[in-house]
C-alpha atoms as a PDB file:
ATOM      1  CA  MET A   1      30.581 165.626  83.434  1.00  0.00           C
ATOM      2  CA  LYS A   2      28.200 167.040  86.026  1.00  0.00           C
ATOM      3  CA  GLU A   3      30.893 166.940  88.729  1.00  0.00           C
ATOM      4  CA  PHE A   4      33.373 168.683  86.438  1.00  0.00           C
ATOM      5  CA  LEU A   5      30.852 171.373  85.442  1.00  0.00           C
ATOM      6  CA  ASP A   6      29.844 171.874  89.099  1.00  0.00           C
ATOM      7  CA  TYR A   7      33.531 172.421  89.901  1.00  0.00           C
ATOM      8  CA  LEU A   8      33.781 175.082  87.159  1.00  0.00           C
ATOM      9  CA  ARG A   9      30.546 176.749  88.258  1.00  0.00           C
ATOM     10  CA  LEU A  10      30.961 176.725  92.037  1.00  0.00           C
ATOM     11  CA  GLU A  11      34.719 177.097  92.462  1.00  0.00           C
ATOM     12  CA  LEU A  12      35.807 179.003  89.346  1.00  0.00           C
ATOM     13  CA  ASN A  13      32.592 181.018  88.757  1.00  0.00           C
ATOM     14  CA  TYR A  14      32.315 180.106  85.065  1.00  0.00           C
ATOM     15  CA  SER A  15      29.233 181.474  83.289  1.00  0.00           C
ATOM     16  CA  ASP A  16      26.361 179.245  82.114  1.00  0.00           C
ATOM     17  CA  HIS A  17      27.275 180.045  78.504  1.00  0.00           C
ATOM     18  CA  THR A  18      30.866 178.816  79.006  1.00  0.00           C
ATOM     19  CA  LEU A  19      29.662 175.706  80.832  1.00  0.00           C
ATOM     20  CA  ARG A  20      27.377 174.741  77.939  1.00  0.00           C
ATOM     21  CA  ALA A  21      30.207 175.299  75.448  1.00  0.00           C
ATOM     22  CA  TYR A  22      32.726 173.260  77.516  1.00  0.00           C
ATOM     23  CA  ARG A  23      30.244 170.411  77.918  1.00  0.00           C
ATOM     24  CA  ASN A  24      29.707 170.201  74.144  1.00  0.00           C
ATOM     25  CA  ASP A  25      33.444 170.549  73.472  1.00  0.00           C
ATOM     26  CA  LEU A  26      34.293 167.652  75.798  1.00  0.00           C
ATOM     27  CA  LEU A  27      31.550 165.386  74.451  1.00  0.00           C
ATOM     28  CA  GLN A  28      32.896 166.032  70.937  1.00  0.00           C
ATOM     29  CA  PHE A  29      36.419 165.232  72.183  1.00  0.00           C
ATOM     30  CA  PHE A  30      35.265 161.953  73.786  1.00  0.00           C
ATOM     31  CA  HIS A  31      33.283 160.995  70.674  1.00  0.00           C
ATOM     32  CA  TYR A  32      36.308 161.530  68.407  1.00  0.00           C
ATOM     33  CA  LEU A  33      38.498 159.386  70.672  1.00  0.00           C
ATOM     34  CA  GLY A  34      35.870 156.639  70.875  1.00  0.00           C
ATOM     35  CA  ILE A  35      35.391 157.103  74.630  1.00  0.00           C
ATOM     36  CA  GLU A  36      31.951 155.845  75.646  1.00  0.00           C
ATOM     37  CA  ASN A  37      32.078 155.186  79.394  1.00  0.00           C
ATOM     38  CA  THR A  38      31.810 158.747  80.734  1.00  0.00           C
ATOM     39  CA  GLN A  39      29.321 158.097  83.546  1.00  0.00           C
ATOM     40  CA  SER A  40      31.966 158.399  86.271  1.00  0.00           C
ATOM     41  CA  LEU A  41      35.650 159.198  86.716  1.00  0.00           C
ATOM     42  CA  ARG A  42      36.213 155.567  87.739  1.00  0.00           C
ATOM     43  CA  GLY A  43      34.683 154.377  84.468  1.00  0.00           C
ATOM     44  CA  LEU A  44      36.515 157.012  82.453  1.00  0.00           C
ATOM     45  CA  TYR A  45      39.962 156.201  83.877  1.00  0.00           C
ATOM     46  CA  PRO A  46      40.695 153.034  81.793  1.00  0.00           C
ATOM     47  CA  GLU A  47      39.552 154.875  78.665  1.00  0.00           C
ATOM     48  CA  LEU A  48      41.888 157.803  79.379  1.00  0.00           C
ATOM     49  CA  GLN A  49      44.849 155.477  79.919  1.00  0.00           C
ATOM     50  CA  ARG A  50      44.958 154.688  76.200  1.00  0.00           C
ATOM     51  CA  ILE A  51      44.886 158.388  75.184  1.00  0.00           C
ATOM     52  CA  ASP A  52      48.383 159.793  74.773  1.00  0.00           C
ATOM     53  CA  PHE A  53      49.576 163.274  73.839  1.00  0.00           C
ATOM     54  CA  LEU A  54      49.871 162.418  70.128  1.00  0.00           C
ATOM     55  CA  LYS A  55      46.246 161.296  70.060  1.00  0.00           C
ATOM     56  CA  VAL A  56      45.176 164.661  71.453  1.00  0.00           C
ATOM     57  CA  ARG A  57      47.363 166.457  68.875  1.00  0.00           C
ATOM     58  CA  GLU A  58      45.706 164.350  66.188  1.00  0.00           C
ATOM     59  CA  TYR A  59      42.329 165.609  67.407  1.00  0.00           C
ATOM     60  CA  LEU A  60      43.512 169.216  67.109  1.00  0.00           C
ATOM     61  CA  GLY A  61      44.623 168.489  63.532  1.00  0.00           C
ATOM     62  CA  TYR A  62      41.118 167.177  62.854  1.00  0.00           C
ATOM     63  CA  LEU A  63      39.655 170.465  64.152  1.00  0.00           C
ATOM     64  CA  PHE A  64      41.970 172.543  61.917  1.00  0.00           C
ATOM     65  CA  ASN A  65      41.080 170.412  58.878  1.00  0.00           C
ATOM     66  CA  ARG A  66      37.402 171.142  59.514  1.00  0.00           C
ATOM     67  CA  LYS A  67      38.233 174.850  58.986  1.00  0.00           C
ATOM     68  CA  LEU A  68      36.861 175.839  62.378  1.00  0.00           C
ATOM     69  CA  LYS A  69      37.367 179.400  63.539  1.00  0.00           C
ATOM     70  CA  ARG A  70      40.508 179.851  65.605  1.00  0.00           C
ATOM     71  CA  THR A  71      38.447 181.216  68.477  1.00  0.00           C
ATOM     72  CA  SER A  72      36.459 177.944  68.563  1.00  0.00           C
ATOM     73  CA  ILE A  73      39.640 175.859  68.548  1.00  0.00           C
ATOM     74  CA  VAL A  74      41.122 177.973  71.366  1.00  0.00           C
ATOM     75  CA  ARG A  75      37.978 177.388  73.453  1.00  0.00           C
ATOM     76  CA  LYS A  76      38.044 173.617  72.768  1.00  0.00           C
ATOM     77  CA  ILE A  77      41.704 173.441  73.835  1.00  0.00           C
ATOM     78  CA  SER A  78      40.804 175.406  76.967  1.00  0.00           C
ATOM     79  CA  ALA A  79      37.975 172.960  77.753  1.00  0.00           C
ATOM     80  CA  ILE A  80      40.282 169.936  77.366  1.00  0.00           C
ATOM     81  CA  LYS A  81      43.041 171.484  79.500  1.00  0.00           C
ATOM     82  CA  SER A  82      40.519 172.454  82.196  1.00  0.00           C
ATOM     83  CA  PHE A  83      39.269 168.872  82.264  1.00  0.00           C
ATOM     84  CA  TYR A  84      42.784 167.455  82.606  1.00  0.00           C
ATOM     85  CA  ARG A  85      43.531 169.939  85.409  1.00  0.00           C
ATOM     86  CA  TYR A  86      40.373 168.700  87.129  1.00  0.00           C
ATOM     87  CA  LEU A  87      41.559 165.077  86.741  1.00  0.00           C
ATOM     88  CA  ALA A  88      44.895 165.994  88.375  1.00  0.00           C
ATOM     89  CA  ARG A  89      43.002 167.716  91.204  1.00  0.00           C
ATOM     90  CA  GLU A  90      40.948 164.553  91.754  1.00  0.00           C
ATOM     91  CA  GLY A  91      44.103 162.388  91.772  1.00  0.00           C
ATOM     92  CA  ILE A  92      43.262 160.622  88.483  1.00  0.00           C
ATOM     93  CA  PRO A  93      46.471 159.878  86.508  1.00  0.00           C
ATOM     94  CA  ALA A  94      46.208 161.104  82.906  1.00  0.00           C
ATOM     95  CA  GLU A  95      48.526 162.384  80.176  1.00  0.00           C
ATOM     96  CA  GLU A  96      50.109 165.453  81.814  1.00  0.00           C
ATOM     97  CA  LYS A  97      51.570 166.740  78.534  1.00  0.00           C
ATOM     98  CA  VAL A  98      48.047 167.783  77.508  1.00  0.00           C
ATOM     99  CA  LEU A  99      48.443 170.749  79.861  1.00  0.00           C
ATOM    100  CA  LEU A 100      51.350 171.941  77.677  1.00  0.00           C
ATOM    101  CA  LEU A 101      49.142 172.290  74.583  1.00  0.00           C
ATOM    102  CA  SER A 102      49.543 175.718  73.029  1.00  0.00           C
ATOM    103  CA  SER A 103      46.636 177.574  71.487  1.00  0.00           C
ATOM    104  CA  PRO A 104      46.740 179.148  68.009  1.00  0.00           C
ATOM    105  CA  LYS A 105      47.277 182.889  67.873  1.00  0.00           C
ATOM    106  CA  ILE A 106      44.116 184.951  67.417  1.00  0.00           C
ATOM    107  CA  GLY A 107      44.308 188.254  65.597  1.00  0.00           C
ATOM    108  CA  VAL A 108      42.798 191.239  67.385  1.00  0.00           C
ATOM    109  CA  LYS A 109      39.370 191.891  65.898  1.00  0.00           C
ATOM    110  CA  MET A 110      38.477 195.567  65.999  1.00  0.00           C
ATOM    111  CA  PRO A 111      34.981 196.044  67.413  1.00  0.00           C
ATOM    112  CA  SER A 112      32.335 197.665  65.212  1.00  0.00           C
ATOM    113  CA  PHE A 113      30.478 200.671  66.571  1.00  0.00           C
ATOM    114  CA  LEU A 114      27.790 203.140  65.546  1.00  0.00           C
ATOM    115  CA  THR A 115      28.398 206.831  64.992  1.00  0.00           C
ATOM    116  CA  ILE A 116      26.614 209.401  67.160  1.00  0.00           C
ATOM    117  CA  ASP A 117      24.380 210.297  64.185  1.00  0.00           C
ATOM    118  CA  GLU A 118      23.423 206.638  63.726  1.00  0.00           C
ATOM    119  CA  ILE A 119      22.574 206.268  67.428  1.00  0.00           C
ATOM    120  CA  PHE A 120      20.327 209.348  67.353  1.00  0.00           C
ATOM    121  CA  ARG A 121      18.689 208.191  64.123  1.00  0.00           C
ATOM    122  CA  LEU A 122      18.050 204.765  65.634  1.00  0.00           C
ATOM    123  CA  LEU A 123      16.484 206.114  68.832  1.00  0.00           C
ATOM    124  CA  ASP A 124      14.455 208.845  67.108  1.00  0.00           C
ATOM    125  CA  SER A 125      12.942 206.383  64.607  1.00  0.00           C
ATOM    126  CA  ILE A 126      11.086 204.331  67.243  1.00  0.00           C
ATOM    127  CA  THR A 127       7.445 205.149  68.011  1.00  0.00           C
ATOM    128  CA  THR A 128       5.626 204.803  71.335  1.00  0.00           C
ATOM    129  CA  SER A 129       3.574 201.611  70.836  1.00  0.00           C
ATOM    130  CA  PHE A 130       4.293 199.144  73.675  1.00  0.00           C
ATOM    131  CA  TRP A 131       6.642 196.849  71.731  1.00  0.00           C
ATOM    132  CA  GLU A 132       8.406 199.780  70.095  1.00  0.00           C
ATOM    133  CA  LEU A 133       8.798 201.339  73.549  1.00  0.00           C
ATOM    134  CA  ARG A 134      10.337 198.075  74.787  1.00  0.00           C
ATOM    135  CA  ASP A 135      12.780 198.095  71.853  1.00  0.00           C
ATOM    136  CA  LYS A 136      13.707 201.729  72.447  1.00  0.00           C
ATOM    137  CA  THR A 137      14.291 201.036  76.158  1.00  0.00           C
ATOM    138  CA  ILE A 138      16.552 198.104  75.226  1.00  0.00           C
ATOM    139  CA  PHE A 139      18.640 200.388  72.994  1.00  0.00           C
ATOM    140  CA  GLU A 140      18.732 203.178  75.584  1.00  0.00           C
ATOM    141  CA  VAL A 141      19.956 200.795  78.315  1.00  0.00           C
ATOM    142  CA  LEU A 142      22.519 199.050  76.091  1.00  0.00           C
ATOM    143  CA  TYR A 143      23.933 202.379  74.921  1.00  0.00           C
ATOM    144  CA  ALA A 144      23.744 204.159  78.295  1.00  0.00           C
ATOM    145  CA  CYS A 145      25.233 201.330  80.370  1.00  0.00           C
ATOM    146  CA  GLY A 146      27.403 199.327  77.944  1.00  0.00           C
ATOM    147  CA  LEU A 147      25.840 196.011  78.972  1.00  0.00           C
ATOM    148  CA  ARG A 148      26.433 192.633  77.404  1.00  0.00           C
ATOM    149  CA  VAL A 149      23.244 191.064  75.980  1.00  0.00           C
ATOM    150  CA  SER A 150      23.402 188.309  78.622  1.00  0.00           C
ATOM    151  CA  GLU A 151      23.486 191.025  81.313  1.00  0.00           C
ATOM    152  CA  LEU A 152      20.590 192.895  79.713  1.00  0.00           C
ATOM    153  CA  ILE A 153      18.224 189.905  79.519  1.00  0.00           C
ATOM    154  CA  SER A 154      19.033 188.801  83.084  1.00  0.00           C
ATOM    155  CA  LEU A 155      18.028 192.204  84.506  1.00  0.00           C
ATOM    156  CA  SER A 156      15.253 192.069  87.101  1.00  0.00           C
ATOM    157  CA  GLU A 157      13.275 195.005  88.450  1.00  0.00           C
ATOM    158  CA  GLU A 158      15.063 194.910  91.819  1.00  0.00           C
ATOM    159  CA  HIS A 159      18.376 195.533  90.009  1.00  0.00           C
ATOM    160  CA  ILE A 160      17.233 198.983  88.858  1.00  0.00           C
ATOM    161  CA  ASP A 161      17.406 202.029  91.130  1.00  0.00           C
ATOM    162  CA  LEU A 162      15.749 204.859  89.218  1.00  0.00           C
ATOM    163  CA  SER A 163      16.032 207.298  92.115  1.00  0.00           C
ATOM    164  CA  GLY A 164      19.795 206.707  92.396  1.00  0.00           C
ATOM    165  CA  LEU A 165      20.182 206.316  88.601  1.00  0.00           C
ATOM    166  CA  THR A 166      22.105 203.044  88.861  1.00  0.00           C
ATOM    167  CA  ILE A 167      21.758 199.447  87.641  1.00  0.00           C
ATOM    168  CA  ARG A 168      23.195 196.448  89.495  1.00  0.00           C
ATOM    169  CA  VAL A 169      24.635 194.112  86.864  1.00  0.00           C
ATOM    170  CA  LEU A 170      25.622 190.447  87.215  1.00  0.00           C
ATOM    171  CA  GLY A 171      28.495 190.040  84.751  1.00  0.00           C
ATOM    172  CA  LYS A 172      30.906 187.309  83.678  1.00  0.00           C
ATOM    173  CA  GLY A 173      32.040 184.993  86.449  1.00  0.00           C
ATOM    174  CA  ARG A 174      28.950 186.111  88.435  1.00  0.00           C
ATOM    175  CA  LYS A 175      30.743 189.336  89.368  1.00  0.00           C
ATOM    176  CA  GLU A 176      28.468 192.200  90.355  1.00  0.00           C
ATOM    177  CA  ARG A 177      29.062 195.795  89.368  1.00  0.00           C
ATOM    178  CA  LEU A 178      27.112 199.025  89.726  1.00  0.00           C
ATOM    179  CA  VAL A 179      26.644 201.019  86.523  1.00  0.00           C
ATOM    180  CA  PRO A 180      25.176 204.545  86.236  1.00  0.00           C
ATOM    181  CA  ILE A 181      22.097 205.015  84.012  1.00  0.00           C
ATOM    182  CA  GLY A 182      21.795 208.090  81.842  1.00  0.00           C
ATOM    183  CA  THR A 183      18.756 210.318  82.292  1.00  0.00           C
ATOM    184  CA  LYS A 184      17.355 209.340  78.864  1.00  0.00           C
ATOM    185  CA  ALA A 185      17.596 205.630  79.673  1.00  0.00           C
ATOM    186  CA  ALA A 186      16.019 206.238  83.099  1.00  0.00           C
ATOM    187  CA  ALA A 187      13.139 208.168  81.474  1.00  0.00           C
ATOM    188  CA  ALA A 188      12.565 205.294  79.017  1.00  0.00           C
ATOM    189  CA  LEU A 189      12.502 202.783  81.908  1.00  0.00           C
ATOM    190  CA  ARG A 190      10.044 204.932  83.886  1.00  0.00           C
ATOM    191  CA  GLU A 191       7.678 204.935  80.921  1.00  0.00           C
ATOM    192  CA  TYR A 192       8.205 201.279  79.974  1.00  0.00           C
ATOM    193  CA  LEU A 193       8.059 199.440  83.326  1.00  0.00           C
ATOM    194  CA  PRO A 194       4.428 200.325  84.309  1.00  0.00           C
ATOM    195  CA  ARG A 195       3.208 199.378  80.826  1.00  0.00           C
ATOM    196  CA  LYS A 196       5.223 196.158  81.022  1.00  0.00           C
ATOM    197  CA  ARG A 197       3.554 195.171  84.317  1.00  0.00           C
ATOM    198  CA  GLN A 198       0.126 195.990  82.894  1.00  0.00           C
ATOM    199  CA  PHE A 199       0.817 193.772  79.858  1.00  0.00           C
ATOM    200  CA  GLN A 200       1.996 190.911  82.121  1.00  0.00           C
ATOM    201  CA  GLN A 201      -1.161 191.173  84.233  1.00  0.00           C
ATOM    202  CA  GLU A 202      -3.339 190.997  81.138  1.00  0.00           C
ATOM    203  CA  ALA A 203      -1.288 187.992  79.914  1.00  0.00           C
ATOM    204  CA  GLY A 204      -1.909 186.216  83.249  1.00  0.00           C
ATOM    205  CA  GLN A 205       1.719 186.306  84.336  1.00  0.00           C
ATOM    206  CA  VAL A 206       2.563 186.302  88.052  1.00  0.00           C
ATOM    207  CA  ASP A 207       6.317 186.851  87.755  1.00  0.00           C
ATOM    208  CA  PHE A 208       6.856 190.588  87.223  1.00  0.00           C
ATOM    209  CA  THR A 209      10.616 190.526  87.939  1.00  0.00           C
ATOM    210  CA  PRO A 210      12.032 190.314  84.358  1.00  0.00           C
ATOM    211  CA  VAL A 211      12.661 193.780  82.939  1.00  0.00           C
ATOM    212  CA  PHE A 212      12.543 192.878  79.249  1.00  0.00           C
ATOM    213  CA  ILE A 213       9.796 190.482  78.149  1.00  0.00           C
ATOM    214  CA  ASN A 214       8.495 188.706  75.046  1.00  0.00           C
ATOM    215  CA  LYS A 215       4.915 188.533  73.737  1.00  0.00           C
ATOM    216  CA  TYR A 216       4.083 185.888  76.357  1.00  0.00           C
ATOM    217  CA  GLY A 217       5.161 188.163  79.207  1.00  0.00           C
ATOM    218  CA  ARG A 218       8.237 186.055  79.965  1.00  0.00           C
ATOM    219  CA  ARG A 219      11.932 186.975  80.042  1.00  0.00           C
ATOM    220  CA  LEU A 220      13.393 187.885  76.655  1.00  0.00           C
ATOM    221  CA  SER A 221      16.105 185.631  75.126  1.00  0.00           C
ATOM    222  CA  SER A 222      19.415 186.758  73.600  1.00  0.00           C
ATOM    223  CA  ARG A 223      18.227 185.587  70.159  1.00  0.00           C
ATOM    224  CA  SER A 224      15.161 187.792  70.448  1.00  0.00           C
ATOM    225  CA  VAL A 225      17.364 190.800  71.262  1.00  0.00           C
ATOM    226  CA  ALA A 226      19.483 190.009  68.179  1.00  0.00           C
ATOM    227  CA  ARG A 227      16.327 189.899  66.013  1.00  0.00           C
ATOM    228  CA  ILE A 228      15.076 193.198  67.466  1.00  0.00           C
ATOM    229  CA  CYS A 229      18.427 194.885  66.743  1.00  0.00           C
ATOM    230  CA  LYS A 230      18.610 193.503  63.203  1.00  0.00           C
ATOM    231  CA  LYS A 231      15.095 194.761  62.417  1.00  0.00           C
ATOM    232  CA  HIS A 232      15.781 198.312  63.610  1.00  0.00           C
ATOM    233  CA  PHE A 233      19.324 198.451  62.203  1.00  0.00           C
ATOM    234  CA  GLN A 234      18.067 197.478  58.730  1.00  0.00           C
ATOM    235  CA  LYS A 235      15.203 199.965  58.973  1.00  0.00           C
ATOM    236  CA  ASN A 236      17.697 202.784  59.682  1.00  0.00           C
ATOM    237  CA  GLY A 237      20.335 201.793  57.139  1.00  0.00           C
ATOM    238  CA  ILE A 238      22.914 200.772  59.750  1.00  0.00           C
ATOM    239  CA  ASP A 239      25.739 198.443  58.682  1.00  0.00           C
ATOM    240  CA  ASP A 240      24.676 194.781  58.343  1.00  0.00           C
ATOM    241  CA  THR A 241      27.637 193.658  60.447  1.00  0.00           C
ATOM    242  CA  ALA A 242      26.333 195.600  63.484  1.00  0.00           C
ATOM    243  CA  SER A 243      24.949 193.480  66.329  1.00  0.00           C
ATOM    244  CA  PRO A 244      23.590 194.055  69.858  1.00  0.00           C
ATOM    245  CA  HIS A 245      27.207 193.917  71.051  1.00  0.00           C
ATOM    246  CA  SER A 246      27.999 196.858  68.747  1.00  0.00           C
ATOM    247  CA  LEU A 247      26.035 199.073  71.144  1.00  0.00           C
ATOM    248  CA  ARG A 248      28.415 198.057  73.961  1.00  0.00           C
ATOM    249  CA  HIS A 249      31.376 198.966  71.726  1.00  0.00           C
ATOM    250  CA  THR A 250      29.627 202.233  70.830  1.00  0.00           C
ATOM    251  CA  PHE A 251      29.188 203.077  74.522  1.00  0.00           C
ATOM    252  CA  ALA A 252      32.923 202.595  75.204  1.00  0.00           C
ATOM    253  CA  THR A 253      34.129 204.344  72.054  1.00  0.00           C
ATOM    254  CA  HIS A 254      31.956 207.434  72.524  1.00  0.00           C
ATOM    255  CA  LEU A 255      33.001 207.781  76.178  1.00  0.00           C
ATOM    256  CA  LEU A 256      36.678 207.493  75.240  1.00  0.00           C
ATOM    257  CA  ASP A 257      36.249 210.036  72.432  1.00  0.00           C
ATOM    258  CA  ALA A 258      34.633 212.405  74.944  1.00  0.00           C
ATOM    259  CA  GLY A 259      37.683 212.191  77.228  1.00  0.00           C
ATOM    260  CA  MET A 260      36.773 209.566  79.856  1.00  0.00           C
ATOM    261  CA  ASP A 261      39.753 207.702  81.333  1.00  0.00           C
ATOM    262  CA  LEU A 262      40.306 204.049  80.473  1.00  0.00           C
ATOM    263  CA  ARG A 263      40.071 202.775  84.072  1.00  0.00           C
ATOM    264  CA  SER A 264      36.547 204.165  84.500  1.00  0.00           C
ATOM    265  CA  ILE A 265      35.441 202.582  81.207  1.00  0.00           C
ATOM    266  CA  GLN A 266      36.967 199.280  82.357  1.00  0.00           C
ATOM    267  CA  GLU A 267      34.923 199.442  85.576  1.00  0.00           C
ATOM    268  CA  MET A 268      31.670 200.129  83.746  1.00  0.00           C
ATOM    269  CA  LEU A 269      32.245 197.432  81.112  1.00  0.00           C
ATOM    270  CA  GLY A 270      33.165 194.880  83.779  1.00  0.00           C
ATOM    271  CA  HIS A 271      36.447 193.885  82.101  1.00  0.00           C
ATOM    272  CA  ALA A 272      38.752 191.860  84.353  1.00  0.00           C
ATOM    273  CA  ASN A 273      41.871 193.112  82.517  1.00  0.00           C
ATOM    274  CA  LEU A 274      42.674 196.610  81.320  1.00  0.00           C
ATOM    275  CA  SER A 275      44.206 195.122  78.151  1.00  0.00           C
ATOM    276  CA  THR A 276      40.694 194.114  77.015  1.00  0.00           C
ATOM    277  CA  THR A 277      39.555 197.722  77.312  1.00  0.00           C
ATOM    278  CA  GLN A 278      42.677 199.098  75.614  1.00  0.00           C
ATOM    279  CA  ARG A 279      41.545 197.986  72.152  1.00  0.00           C
ATOM    280  CA  TYR A 280      39.129 200.930  72.210  1.00  0.00           C
ATOM    281  CA  THR A 281      42.101 203.298  72.276  1.00  0.00           C
ATOM    282  CA  HIS A 282      43.195 201.937  68.866  1.00  0.00           C
ATOM    283  CA  LEU A 283      39.642 202.341  67.604  1.00  0.00           C
ATOM    284  CA  SER A 284      39.453 205.946  68.761  1.00  0.00           C
ATOM    285  CA  LEU A 285      42.920 206.753  67.392  1.00  0.00           C
ATOM    286  CA  ASP A 286      41.934 205.369  63.967  1.00  0.00           C
ATOM    287  CA  HIS A 287      38.824 207.538  64.039  1.00  0.00           C
ATOM    288  CA  LEU A 288      40.904 210.548  65.099  1.00  0.00           C
ATOM    289  CA  MET A 289      43.374 209.995  62.243  1.00  0.00           C
ATOM    290  CA  GLU A 290      40.512 209.758  59.740  1.00  0.00           C
ATOM    291  CA  VAL A 291      39.119 213.091  60.913  1.00  0.00           C
ATOM    292  CA  TYR A 292      42.619 214.615  60.861  1.00  0.00           C
ATOM    293  CA  ASP A 293      43.315 213.394  57.303  1.00  0.00           C
ATOM    294  CA  ARG A 294      39.954 214.701  56.158  1.00  0.00           C
ATOM    295  CA  SER A 295      40.178 218.063  57.906  1.00  0.00           C
ATOM    296  CA  HIS A 296      43.751 219.274  58.167  1.00  0.00           C
ATOM    297  CA  PRO A 297      44.889 221.499  55.272  1.00  0.00           C
ATOM    298  CA  LYS A 298      48.281 219.792  55.101  1.00  0.00           C
ATOM    299  CA  ALA A 299      47.147 216.224  55.895  1.00  0.00           C
END
């Protein structure tokens, strides 16, 4: 397992989140098939010899019967196919038909986003106590830069250039990109960072690199960011389905509504494919049609 995950990490640049998911997916796959000797490829080989294509299809049927989300099943199929590709690369004979497995179709889920009024209400409702200032800075950076939560919590002080108004972001597949910071977000960071360092000193911390910290002065987790968002969203009457990722969708939608071209938004979001960014065009068009139907005398 370690060799396989190292291959995904070092050669294919898979993220830590994907590696954890693939590891769990494969262990579940082995457990279902009764495979116990997974300490080495040599030990695994005799076990794999008795696994044919129908057995793998049977496992997929088991996943569907458990009423798993289609996205989860697609990821599990991807993990299994990646593993079998790795076996072929290492010269280990295994059932090649597994690579022909097709994934179930996933409907396009339209991203949720906040209105401009909701964003202003959210940011204006936060006071200037230290923890409230941290929360406000989180929202300012998420909205100004369109970051993923994983990118936000991995930010270190050296990634931020307040004089040049840019943030260096390490995205999916460990790809770096440079994102502009808005003046409001930069002002929030200028106020927050000195107070953050002072808090860390008082807490006895020696590592001042993390930008966003918890009450112990250590790097914030993604779950903590989700809790922070939920607290402030509820306080301001924002839809319960909104999440930290909604601020990334809000960033893209508002830029598109204001006339920014799709390629530029793709660059700032760090999307590998333009098709991923294109879903925001449908979102904006729906919004435009709503306004048209509500406003036009003959609509």
